Amino acid sequence: MIRKWSLFLMLALTTVLLSGCLFPEEEKVENQVPDDIQLASVQKAVEEYQADTGVLPIKNRDMDTDMFIKYPIDFEKLAPKYLANAPANSYEKGGIFQYIIWDPEKNPTVKLVDLRAAERMRELNIRFMGSQYPTFKDKITDYIYTIDFKKIGYKEELTVPSPYTNNQLPIIVTTEGDLYVDYSMDLNIFIKENNLKPTPGEDIRMLLVEAYPVVPAYSLPYTVNENNEPVFMYDPTTEEK
């Protein structure tokens, strides 16, 4: 329950930040796509800051925070000495991306989180809190279900735009009441297009992390089954997410 409310409060805080930063700047196309030049400039600034101070320019987060959003970059620590301004596509400047540090211990790398997912899940969490009806619809696997959107007042299913493809990704719910983005479609496409055969038990989200600047945030672990298809790797009764 503590984890659930921590995630909700983080989503709510993110939305407050977004509401003050994304309008009307978010409508600009350049603020909705990753930019290699901006990524490189932030990476350089992070490396120079770490070389001078011995630490990374990150904001503090709880230890049980989703690993993909655990180390957000604090641009106030970088500007103006290491970086003139936060990138135009960062939420600080009206964009849809939060800049984060991936693999801070071994190979600190600047990556992006698409915050449109955070906004959509915050909206759903508010509906859940006001609902007296079960929100589960169809069982996907043990502990994971689709959402009955009609029971919480929606005429159509809510989705999240994929940062990797043109897909609209479903939002799913666990038996613990936590919401996640389902990246199964994107993972399946990536595996097939690249003719990959991951090892069962391997978290295949790392394939997306290695291949793209945007990380699959707000997601559960996935692996592959005997048919080399993405499946959830989640059991709240035996292990941490």
C-alpha atoms as a PDB file:
ATOM      1  CA  MET A   1       0.000   0.000   0.000  1.00  0.00           C
ATOM      2  CA  ILE A   2       2.881   2.380   0.804  1.00  0.00           C
ATOM      3  CA  ARG A   3       4.417   1.638  -2.610  1.00  0.00           C
ATOM      4  CA  LYS A   4       1.065   2.277  -4.315  1.00  0.00           C
ATOM      5  CA  TRP A   5       0.560   5.655  -2.671  1.00  0.00           C
ATOM      6  CA  SER A   6       4.184   6.633  -3.248  1.00  0.00           C
ATOM      7  CA  LEU A   7       3.734   5.963  -6.963  1.00  0.00           C
ATOM      8  CA  PHE A   8       0.457   7.900  -7.025  1.00  0.00           C
ATOM      9  CA  LEU A   9       1.970  10.890  -5.231  1.00  0.00           C
ATOM     10  CA  MET A  10       4.910  10.868  -7.633  1.00  0.00           C
ATOM     11  CA  LEU A  11       2.543  10.806 -10.605  1.00  0.00           C
ATOM     12  CA  ALA A  12       0.519  13.630  -9.079  1.00  0.00           C
ATOM     13  CA  LEU A  13       3.644  15.723  -8.500  1.00  0.00           C
ATOM     14  CA  THR A  14       4.814  15.042 -12.032  1.00  0.00           C
ATOM     15  CA  THR A  15       1.465  16.236 -13.352  1.00  0.00           C
ATOM     16  CA  VAL A  16       1.670  19.460 -11.359  1.00  0.00           C
ATOM     17  CA  LEU A  17       5.024  20.096 -12.960  1.00  0.00           C
ATOM     18  CA  LEU A  18       3.654  19.211 -16.369  1.00  0.00           C
ATOM     19  CA  SER A  19       0.606  21.435 -16.032  1.00  0.00           C
ATOM     20  CA  GLY A  20       2.856  24.393 -15.404  1.00  0.00           C
ATOM     21  CA  CYS A  21       5.316  23.598 -18.160  1.00  0.00           C
ATOM     22  CA  LEU A  22       3.662  21.821 -21.048  1.00  0.00           C
ATOM     23  CA  PHE A  23       1.094  24.345 -22.233  1.00  0.00           C
ATOM     24  CA  PRO A  24       1.204  25.651 -24.877  1.00  0.00           C
ATOM     25  CA  GLU A  25       4.821  24.682 -25.547  1.00  0.00           C
ATOM     26  CA  GLU A  26       4.055  20.954 -25.719  1.00  0.00           C
ATOM     27  CA  GLU A  27       2.286  21.504 -29.036  1.00  0.00           C
ATOM     28  CA  LYS A  28       5.601  22.231 -30.711  1.00  0.00           C
ATOM     29  CA  VAL A  29       6.768  19.185 -32.652  1.00  0.00           C
ATOM     30  CA  GLU A  30      10.396  19.646 -31.644  1.00  0.00           C
ATOM     31  CA  ASN A  31       9.410  19.304 -27.991  1.00  0.00           C
ATOM     32  CA  GLN A  32       7.828  15.883 -28.544  1.00  0.00           C
ATOM     33  CA  VAL A  33      10.745  13.955 -30.059  1.00  0.00           C
ATOM     34  CA  PRO A  34      14.187  12.945 -28.759  1.00  0.00           C
ATOM     35  CA  ASP A  35      17.021  15.109 -30.015  1.00  0.00           C
ATOM     36  CA  ASP A  36      20.488  13.576 -30.389  1.00  0.00           C
ATOM     37  CA  ILE A  37      22.261  16.925 -30.111  1.00  0.00           C
ATOM     38  CA  GLN A  38      20.467  17.816 -26.893  1.00  0.00           C
ATOM     39  CA  LEU A  39      21.138  14.359 -25.461  1.00  0.00           C
ATOM     40  CA  ALA A  40      24.831  14.673 -26.286  1.00  0.00           C
ATOM     41  CA  SER A  41      25.085  18.125 -24.714  1.00  0.00           C
ATOM     42  CA  VAL A  42      23.434  16.937 -21.499  1.00  0.00           C
ATOM     43  CA  GLN A  43      25.639  13.830 -21.430  1.00  0.00           C
ATOM     44  CA  LYS A  44      28.733  16.025 -21.732  1.00  0.00           C
ATOM     45  CA  ALA A  45      27.494  18.340 -18.981  1.00  0.00           C
ATOM     46  CA  VAL A  46      26.773  15.402 -16.660  1.00  0.00           C
ATOM     47  CA  GLU A  47      30.237  13.939 -17.210  1.00  0.00           C
ATOM     48  CA  GLU A  48      31.945  17.272 -16.566  1.00  0.00           C
ATOM     49  CA  TYR A  49      29.875  17.858 -13.427  1.00  0.00           C
ATOM     50  CA  GLN A  50      30.740  14.402 -12.099  1.00  0.00           C
ATOM     51  CA  ALA A  51      34.425  14.897 -12.887  1.00  0.00           C
ATOM     52  CA  ASP A  52      34.454  18.156 -10.908  1.00  0.00           C
ATOM     53  CA  THR A  53      32.269  17.129  -7.964  1.00  0.00           C
ATOM     54  CA  GLY A  54      32.529  13.348  -7.738  1.00  0.00           C
ATOM     55  CA  VAL A  55      28.733  12.984  -7.757  1.00  0.00           C
ATOM     56  CA  LEU A  56      25.957  13.006 -10.331  1.00  0.00           C
ATOM     57  CA  PRO A  57      23.575  15.973 -10.824  1.00  0.00           C
ATOM     58  CA  ILE A  58      20.423  14.116  -9.802  1.00  0.00           C
ATOM     59  CA  LYS A  59      17.376  14.738  -7.638  1.00  0.00           C
ATOM     60  CA  ASN A  60      16.672  12.577  -4.605  1.00  0.00           C
ATOM     61  CA  ARG A  61      14.126   9.765  -4.930  1.00  0.00           C
ATOM     62  CA  ASP A  62      12.965   6.960  -2.632  1.00  0.00           C
ATOM     63  CA  MET A  63      14.932   3.738  -2.946  1.00  0.00           C
ATOM     64  CA  ASP A  64      11.844   1.789  -4.083  1.00  0.00           C
ATOM     65  CA  THR A  65      11.090   4.194  -6.940  1.00  0.00           C
ATOM     66  CA  ASP A  66      10.638   2.675 -10.415  1.00  0.00           C
ATOM     67  CA  MET A  67      14.183   2.104 -11.686  1.00  0.00           C
ATOM     68  CA  PHE A  68      13.477   4.007 -14.898  1.00  0.00           C
ATOM     69  CA  ILE A  69      12.575   7.241 -13.102  1.00  0.00           C
ATOM     70  CA  LYS A  70      14.802   6.842 -10.064  1.00  0.00           C
ATOM     71  CA  TYR A  71      17.562   9.264 -11.081  1.00  0.00           C
ATOM     72  CA  PRO A  72      16.108  12.418 -12.699  1.00  0.00           C
ATOM     73  CA  ILE A  73      18.638  15.046 -13.702  1.00  0.00           C
ATOM     74  CA  ASP A  74      18.646  18.273 -11.697  1.00  0.00           C
ATOM     75  CA  PHE A  75      19.316  20.939 -14.310  1.00  0.00           C
ATOM     76  CA  GLU A  76      19.703  23.590 -11.617  1.00  0.00           C
ATOM     77  CA  LYS A  77      22.966  21.874 -10.695  1.00  0.00           C
ATOM     78  CA  LEU A  78      24.187  22.012 -14.288  1.00  0.00           C
ATOM     79  CA  ALA A  79      23.218  25.547 -15.271  1.00  0.00           C
ATOM     80  CA  PRO A  80      24.868  27.791 -16.130  1.00  0.00           C
ATOM     81  CA  LYS A  81      28.383  26.413 -15.639  1.00  0.00           C
ATOM     82  CA  TYR A  82      27.974  23.096 -17.437  1.00  0.00           C
ATOM     83  CA  LEU A  83      24.865  23.746 -19.518  1.00  0.00           C
ATOM     84  CA  ALA A  84      23.310  27.050 -20.533  1.00  0.00           C
ATOM     85  CA  ASN A  85      19.720  25.854 -20.186  1.00  0.00           C
ATOM     86  CA  ALA A  86      17.637  22.720 -19.867  1.00  0.00           C
ATOM     87  CA  PRO A  87      16.869  21.195 -23.303  1.00  0.00           C
ATOM     88  CA  ALA A  88      13.819  22.495 -25.170  1.00  0.00           C
ATOM     89  CA  ASN A  89      12.151  19.070 -25.097  1.00  0.00           C
ATOM     90  CA  SER A  90      12.554  18.663 -21.320  1.00  0.00           C
ATOM     91  CA  TYR A  91       9.499  19.266 -19.147  1.00  0.00           C
ATOM     92  CA  GLU A  92      11.377  22.150 -17.509  1.00  0.00           C
ATOM     93  CA  LYS A  93      11.183  23.937 -20.857  1.00  0.00           C
ATOM     94  CA  GLY A  94       7.762  22.798 -22.022  1.00  0.00           C
ATOM     95  CA  GLY A  95       8.615  19.415 -23.538  1.00  0.00           C
ATOM     96  CA  ILE A  96       7.290  15.952 -22.759  1.00  0.00           C
ATOM     97  CA  PHE A  97      10.531  14.358 -21.585  1.00  0.00           C
ATOM     98  CA  GLN A  98      12.167  13.985 -18.226  1.00  0.00           C
ATOM     99  CA  TYR A  99      15.928  13.580 -18.523  1.00  0.00           C
ATOM    100  CA  ILE A 100      17.266  10.804 -16.293  1.00  0.00           C
ATOM    101  CA  ILE A 101      20.518   9.003 -15.551  1.00  0.00           C
ATOM    102  CA  TRP A 102      20.562   5.313 -16.422  1.00  0.00           C
ATOM    103  CA  ASP A 103      23.101   2.925 -14.863  1.00  0.00           C
ATOM    104  CA  PRO A 104      24.540   5.572 -12.511  1.00  0.00           C
ATOM    105  CA  GLU A 105      26.976   3.228 -10.780  1.00  0.00           C
ATOM    106  CA  LYS A 106      28.773   1.672 -13.755  1.00  0.00           C
ATOM    107  CA  ASN A 107      28.051   3.763 -16.850  1.00  0.00           C
ATOM    108  CA  PRO A 108      26.017   6.930 -16.207  1.00  0.00           C
ATOM    109  CA  THR A 109      24.051   7.501 -19.393  1.00  0.00           C
ATOM    110  CA  VAL A 110      21.518  10.219 -20.153  1.00  0.00           C
ATOM    111  CA  LYS A 111      18.134   8.792 -21.139  1.00  0.00           C
ATOM    112  CA  LEU A 112      14.579  10.078 -21.477  1.00  0.00           C
ATOM    113  CA  VAL A 113      11.213   9.308 -19.883  1.00  0.00           C
ATOM    114  CA  ASP A 114       8.063  10.117 -21.872  1.00  0.00           C
ATOM    115  CA  LEU A 115       5.875  11.861 -19.294  1.00  0.00           C
ATOM    116  CA  ARG A 116       2.635  11.496 -21.240  1.00  0.00           C
ATOM    117  CA  ALA A 117       2.255   8.099 -19.572  1.00  0.00           C
ATOM    118  CA  ALA A 118       2.498   9.686 -16.117  1.00  0.00           C
ATOM    119  CA  GLU A 119      -0.287  12.136 -16.945  1.00  0.00           C
ATOM    120  CA  ARG A 120      -2.595   9.434 -18.268  1.00  0.00           C
ATOM    121  CA  MET A 121      -2.084   7.174 -15.248  1.00  0.00           C
ATOM    122  CA  ARG A 122      -2.610  10.047 -12.830  1.00  0.00           C
ATOM    123  CA  GLU A 123      -5.954  10.669 -14.524  1.00  0.00           C
ATOM    124  CA  LEU A 124      -6.893   7.009 -14.130  1.00  0.00           C
ATOM    125  CA  ASN A 125      -5.813   6.890 -10.489  1.00  0.00           C
ATOM    126  CA  ILE A 126      -8.178   9.747  -9.711  1.00  0.00           C
ATOM    127  CA  ARG A 127     -11.036   7.807 -11.322  1.00  0.00           C
ATOM    128  CA  PHE A 128     -10.090   4.685  -9.368  1.00  0.00           C
ATOM    129  CA  MET A 129     -10.205   6.577  -6.085  1.00  0.00           C
ATOM    130  CA  GLY A 130     -13.731   7.781  -6.826  1.00  0.00           C
ATOM    131  CA  SER A 131     -15.071   4.427  -8.016  1.00  0.00           C
ATOM    132  CA  GLN A 132     -17.102   1.982  -5.932  1.00  0.00           C
ATOM    133  CA  TYR A 133     -16.845  -0.753  -8.554  1.00  0.00           C
ATOM    134  CA  PRO A 134     -14.110  -3.245  -9.434  1.00  0.00           C
ATOM    135  CA  THR A 135     -11.883  -1.926 -12.215  1.00  0.00           C
ATOM    136  CA  PHE A 136     -10.684  -5.331 -13.424  1.00  0.00           C
ATOM    137  CA  LYS A 137     -11.982  -6.617 -16.748  1.00  0.00           C
ATOM    138  CA  ASP A 138     -10.131  -9.462 -18.492  1.00  0.00           C
ATOM    139  CA  LYS A 139      -7.370 -11.520 -16.932  1.00  0.00           C
ATOM    140  CA  ILE A 140      -4.099 -11.270 -18.876  1.00  0.00           C
ATOM    141  CA  THR A 141      -2.106 -13.494 -16.556  1.00  0.00           C
ATOM    142  CA  ASP A 142      -1.900 -14.143 -12.833  1.00  0.00           C
ATOM    143  CA  TYR A 143      -2.104 -10.822 -10.958  1.00  0.00           C
ATOM    144  CA  ILE A 144      -2.517  -8.694 -14.129  1.00  0.00           C
ATOM    145  CA  TYR A 145      -5.764  -7.528 -15.746  1.00  0.00           C
ATOM    146  CA  THR A 146      -7.120  -5.185 -18.360  1.00  0.00           C
ATOM    147  CA  ILE A 147      -9.161  -2.249 -17.059  1.00  0.00           C
ATOM    148  CA  ASP A 148     -12.939  -1.966 -17.241  1.00  0.00           C
ATOM    149  CA  PHE A 149     -13.005   1.632 -18.436  1.00  0.00           C
ATOM    150  CA  LYS A 150     -16.797   1.808 -18.648  1.00  0.00           C
ATOM    151  CA  LYS A 151     -17.103   1.191 -14.913  1.00  0.00           C
ATOM    152  CA  ILE A 152     -14.991   4.255 -14.213  1.00  0.00           C
ATOM    153  CA  GLY A 153     -16.828   6.534 -16.611  1.00  0.00           C
ATOM    154  CA  TYR A 154     -14.972   6.236 -19.920  1.00  0.00           C
ATOM    155  CA  LYS A 155     -16.613   5.481 -23.255  1.00  0.00           C
ATOM    156  CA  GLU A 156     -13.343   4.270 -24.773  1.00  0.00           C
ATOM    157  CA  GLU A 157     -10.169   2.678 -23.480  1.00  0.00           C
ATOM    158  CA  LEU A 158      -7.366   5.053 -22.565  1.00  0.00           C
ATOM    159  CA  THR A 159      -3.996   4.380 -24.146  1.00  0.00           C
ATOM    160  CA  VAL A 160      -0.503   5.854 -24.145  1.00  0.00           C
ATOM    161  CA  PRO A 161       1.392   6.787 -27.335  1.00  0.00           C
ATOM    162  CA  SER A 162       4.438   4.586 -27.779  1.00  0.00           C
ATOM    163  CA  PRO A 163       7.834   6.330 -27.756  1.00  0.00           C
ATOM    164  CA  TYR A 164       9.134   3.607 -30.119  1.00  0.00           C
ATOM    165  CA  THR A 165       6.430   2.905 -32.711  1.00  0.00           C
ATOM    166  CA  ASN A 166       3.122   4.281 -33.940  1.00  0.00           C
ATOM    167  CA  ASN A 167       1.307   1.990 -31.508  1.00  0.00           C
ATOM    168  CA  GLN A 168      -1.110   3.154 -28.869  1.00  0.00           C
ATOM    169  CA  LEU A 169      -0.139   1.137 -25.797  1.00  0.00           C
ATOM    170  CA  PRO A 170      -2.690  -0.264 -23.322  1.00  0.00           C
ATOM    171  CA  ILE A 171      -2.698   0.583 -19.641  1.00  0.00           C
ATOM    172  CA  ILE A 172      -3.043  -2.431 -17.351  1.00  0.00           C
ATOM    173  CA  VAL A 173      -3.732  -2.928 -13.653  1.00  0.00           C
ATOM    174  CA  THR A 174      -2.366  -5.425 -11.141  1.00  0.00           C
ATOM    175  CA  THR A 175      -4.311  -7.113  -8.368  1.00  0.00           C
ATOM    176  CA  GLU A 176      -2.538  -4.678  -6.033  1.00  0.00           C
ATOM    177  CA  GLY A 177      -4.249  -1.811  -7.847  1.00  0.00           C
ATOM    178  CA  ASP A 178      -1.113  -0.438  -9.510  1.00  0.00           C
ATOM    179  CA  LEU A 179      -1.210   0.870 -13.081  1.00  0.00           C
ATOM    180  CA  TYR A 180       1.405   0.166 -15.745  1.00  0.00           C
ATOM    181  CA  VAL A 181       1.957   0.686 -19.459  1.00  0.00           C
ATOM    182  CA  ASP A 182       1.904  -2.557 -21.465  1.00  0.00           C
ATOM    183  CA  TYR A 183       4.849  -2.582 -23.892  1.00  0.00           C
ATOM    184  CA  SER A 184       4.155  -6.110 -25.185  1.00  0.00           C
ATOM    185  CA  MET A 185       3.385  -4.953 -28.733  1.00  0.00           C
ATOM    186  CA  ASP A 186       6.548  -2.878 -29.007  1.00  0.00           C
ATOM    187  CA  LEU A 187       8.699  -5.629 -27.529  1.00  0.00           C
ATOM    188  CA  ASN A 188       7.270  -8.213 -29.914  1.00  0.00           C
ATOM    189  CA  ILE A 189       7.941  -5.964 -32.905  1.00  0.00           C
ATOM    190  CA  PHE A 190      11.496  -5.245 -31.767  1.00  0.00           C
ATOM    191  CA  ILE A 191      12.312  -8.927 -31.234  1.00  0.00           C
ATOM    192  CA  LYS A 192      10.936  -9.952 -34.625  1.00  0.00           C
ATOM    193  CA  GLU A 193      12.444  -7.083 -36.619  1.00  0.00           C
ATOM    194  CA  ASN A 194      15.881  -7.706 -35.132  1.00  0.00           C
ATOM    195  CA  ASN A 195      15.609 -11.514 -35.249  1.00  0.00           C
ATOM    196  CA  LEU A 196      16.425 -11.807 -31.554  1.00  0.00           C
ATOM    197  CA  LYS A 197      16.105 -14.811 -29.272  1.00  0.00           C
ATOM    198  CA  PRO A 198      16.355 -13.612 -25.676  1.00  0.00           C
ATOM    199  CA  THR A 199      16.927 -16.080 -22.877  1.00  0.00           C
ATOM    200  CA  PRO A 200      13.792 -16.941 -20.870  1.00  0.00           C
ATOM    201  CA  GLY A 201      14.044 -15.158 -17.535  1.00  0.00           C
ATOM    202  CA  GLU A 202      15.913 -12.218 -19.068  1.00  0.00           C
ATOM    203  CA  ASP A 203      14.217  -8.835 -18.633  1.00  0.00           C
ATOM    204  CA  ILE A 204      13.697  -7.924 -22.276  1.00  0.00           C
ATOM    205  CA  ARG A 205      12.885  -4.299 -21.472  1.00  0.00           C
ATOM    206  CA  MET A 206      16.651  -3.839 -21.469  1.00  0.00           C
ATOM    207  CA  LEU A 207      16.590  -4.387 -25.242  1.00  0.00           C
ATOM    208  CA  LEU A 208      14.634  -1.147 -25.604  1.00  0.00           C
ATOM    209  CA  VAL A 209      16.886   0.662 -23.135  1.00  0.00           C
ATOM    210  CA  GLU A 210      19.970  -0.265 -25.150  1.00  0.00           C
ATOM    211  CA  ALA A 211      18.434   0.557 -28.535  1.00  0.00           C
ATOM    212  CA  TYR A 212      16.578   3.815 -27.847  1.00  0.00           C
ATOM    213  CA  PRO A 213      17.091   7.066 -25.937  1.00  0.00           C
ATOM    214  CA  VAL A 214      13.661   6.682 -24.278  1.00  0.00           C
ATOM    215  CA  VAL A 215      13.290   4.094 -21.504  1.00  0.00           C
ATOM    216  CA  PRO A 216      10.125   1.966 -21.020  1.00  0.00           C
ATOM    217  CA  ALA A 217       9.053   3.681 -17.816  1.00  0.00           C
ATOM    218  CA  TYR A 218       5.989   2.756 -15.754  1.00  0.00           C
ATOM    219  CA  SER A 219       6.229  -0.876 -16.850  1.00  0.00           C
ATOM    220  CA  LEU A 220       6.447  -4.354 -15.357  1.00  0.00           C
ATOM    221  CA  PRO A 221       9.292  -6.774 -16.182  1.00  0.00           C
ATOM    222  CA  TYR A 222       8.922  -8.948 -19.290  1.00  0.00           C
ATOM    223  CA  THR A 223      10.673 -12.020 -20.563  1.00  0.00           C
ATOM    224  CA  VAL A 224       9.914 -14.468 -23.411  1.00  0.00           C
ATOM    225  CA  ASN A 225       8.046 -17.767 -23.466  1.00  0.00           C
ATOM    226  CA  GLU A 226       8.844 -20.935 -25.419  1.00  0.00           C
ATOM    227  CA  ASN A 227       7.498 -19.266 -28.576  1.00  0.00           C
ATOM    228  CA  ASN A 228       9.843 -16.282 -28.166  1.00  0.00           C
ATOM    229  CA  GLU A 229       6.885 -14.027 -27.367  1.00  0.00           C
ATOM    230  CA  PRO A 230       6.898 -11.335 -24.661  1.00  0.00           C
ATOM    231  CA  VAL A 231       5.256 -12.367 -21.398  1.00  0.00           C
ATOM    232  CA  PHE A 232       5.029 -10.660 -18.037  1.00  0.00           C
ATOM    233  CA  MET A 233       7.538 -11.645 -15.387  1.00  0.00           C
ATOM    234  CA  TYR A 234       5.633 -10.561 -12.301  1.00  0.00           C
ATOM    235  CA  ASP A 235       4.555 -12.261  -9.086  1.00  0.00           C
ATOM    236  CA  PRO A 236       3.933  -9.901  -6.145  1.00  0.00           C
ATOM    237  CA  THR A 237       3.749 -12.845  -3.729  1.00  0.00           C
ATOM    238  CA  THR A 238       7.355 -13.901  -4.244  1.00  0.00           C
ATOM    239  CA  GLU A 239       9.418 -10.923  -5.356  1.00  0.00           C
ATOM    240  CA  GLU A 240       9.693  -7.174  -5.675  1.00  0.00           C
ATOM    241  CA  LYS A 241       8.742  -5.482  -8.939  1.00  0.00           C
END
